[in-house]
Amino acid sequence: MWITVIGELWKQRNKKIFRNGIIDHNKIFTMVQLKVWSWVTTKVKLTCFSYFDWCLEPLICIRPVIKNTG
């Protein structure tokens, strides 16, 4: 998960520096949520939560995943 956060921060940094862009904190947060949800639901079998659930309660969603992989 932390790789996704760092990657999105890096993309926004590059956008600001090299393209004179504006950093959008909401976009960073949303993209991190989407990418982590996508990765978890693709890589971990038996995930049973929607993206909507993930956005509302990520800690509740991730607990069973950690128990099954740990």
Protein backbone atom coordinates (compact mmCIF):
# COMPACT_ATOMS: atom_id res chain seq x y z
CA MET A 1 0.00 0.00 0.00
CA TRP A 2 2.77 2.42 0.84
CA ILE A 3 4.22 1.99 -2.65
CA THR A 4 0.95 3.27 -4.10
CA VAL A 5 1.02 6.34 -1.85
CA ILE A 6 4.62 7.13 -2.77
CA GLY A 7 3.92 6.54 -6.46
CA GLU A 8 0.96 8.93 -6.53
CA LEU A 9 2.87 11.59 -4.60
CA TRP A 10 5.75 11.22 -7.05
CA LYS A 11 3.42 11.58 -10.06
CA GLN A 12 1.88 14.74 -8.64
CA ARG A 13 5.32 16.13 -7.81
CA ASN A 14 6.49 15.52 -11.38
CA LYS A 15 3.32 17.08 -12.76
CA LYS A 16 3.95 20.23 -10.72
CA ILE A 17 7.66 20.49 -11.52
CA PHE A 18 7.76 19.47 -15.18
CA ARG A 19 4.35 20.56 -16.44
CA ASN A 20 3.61 23.51 -14.14
CA GLY A 21 0.58 21.59 -12.88
CA ILE A 22 -1.41 22.02 -9.74
CA ILE A 23 -1.30 19.39 -7.02
CA ASP A 24 -4.75 17.98 -6.33
CA HIS A 25 -4.77 16.33 -2.90
CA ASN A 26 -8.22 14.85 -3.44
CA LYS A 27 -7.04 13.20 -6.65
CA ILE A 28 -4.03 11.70 -4.88
CA PHE A 29 -6.24 10.25 -2.14
CA THR A 30 -8.82 8.91 -4.59
CA MET A 31 -6.21 7.30 -6.85
CA VAL A 32 -4.49 5.65 -3.88
CA GLN A 33 -7.83 4.24 -2.69
CA LEU A 34 -8.68 2.95 -6.16
CA LYS A 35 -5.28 1.40 -6.88
CA VAL A 36 -4.97 -0.32 -3.49
CA TRP A 37 -8.54 -1.66 -3.71
CA SER A 38 -7.86 -2.91 -7.22
CA TRP A 39 -4.61 -4.59 -6.19
CA VAL A 40 -6.12 -6.23 -3.09
CA THR A 41 -9.19 -7.55 -4.89
CA THR A 42 -7.07 -8.89 -7.76
CA LYS A 43 -4.26 -10.48 -5.77
CA VAL A 44 -6.07 -11.83 -2.70
CA LYS A 45 -8.59 -14.60 -3.18
CA LEU A 46 -11.92 -14.47 -1.37
CA THR A 47 -12.15 -10.71 -1.03
CA CYS A 48 -15.80 -9.84 -0.69
CA PHE A 49 -16.04 -6.08 -0.44
CA SER A 50 -16.94 -3.47 -2.99
CA TYR A 51 -15.03 -0.31 -3.83
CA PHE A 52 -17.81 1.62 -2.08
CA ASP A 53 -17.28 -0.43 1.11
CA TRP A 54 -13.52 0.03 0.78
CA CYS A 55 -13.88 3.82 0.60
CA LEU A 56 -16.18 3.95 3.62
CA GLU A 57 -14.43 1.45 5.93
CA PRO A 58 -11.02 0.34 4.61
CA LEU A 59 -9.83 -0.99 7.98
CA ILE A 60 -12.86 -3.25 8.34
CA CYS A 61 -12.33 -4.51 4.78
CA ILE A 62 -8.61 -5.19 5.18
CA ARG A 63 -8.79 -7.15 8.47
CA PRO A 64 -9.98 -10.43 6.90
CA VAL A 65 -7.43 -10.02 4.10
CA ILE A 66 -4.58 -9.67 6.61
CA LYS A 67 -5.82 -12.71 8.59
CA ASN A 68 -6.00 -14.86 5.43
CA THR A 69 -2.56 -13.88 4.14
CA GLY A 70 -0.72 -13.63 7.45
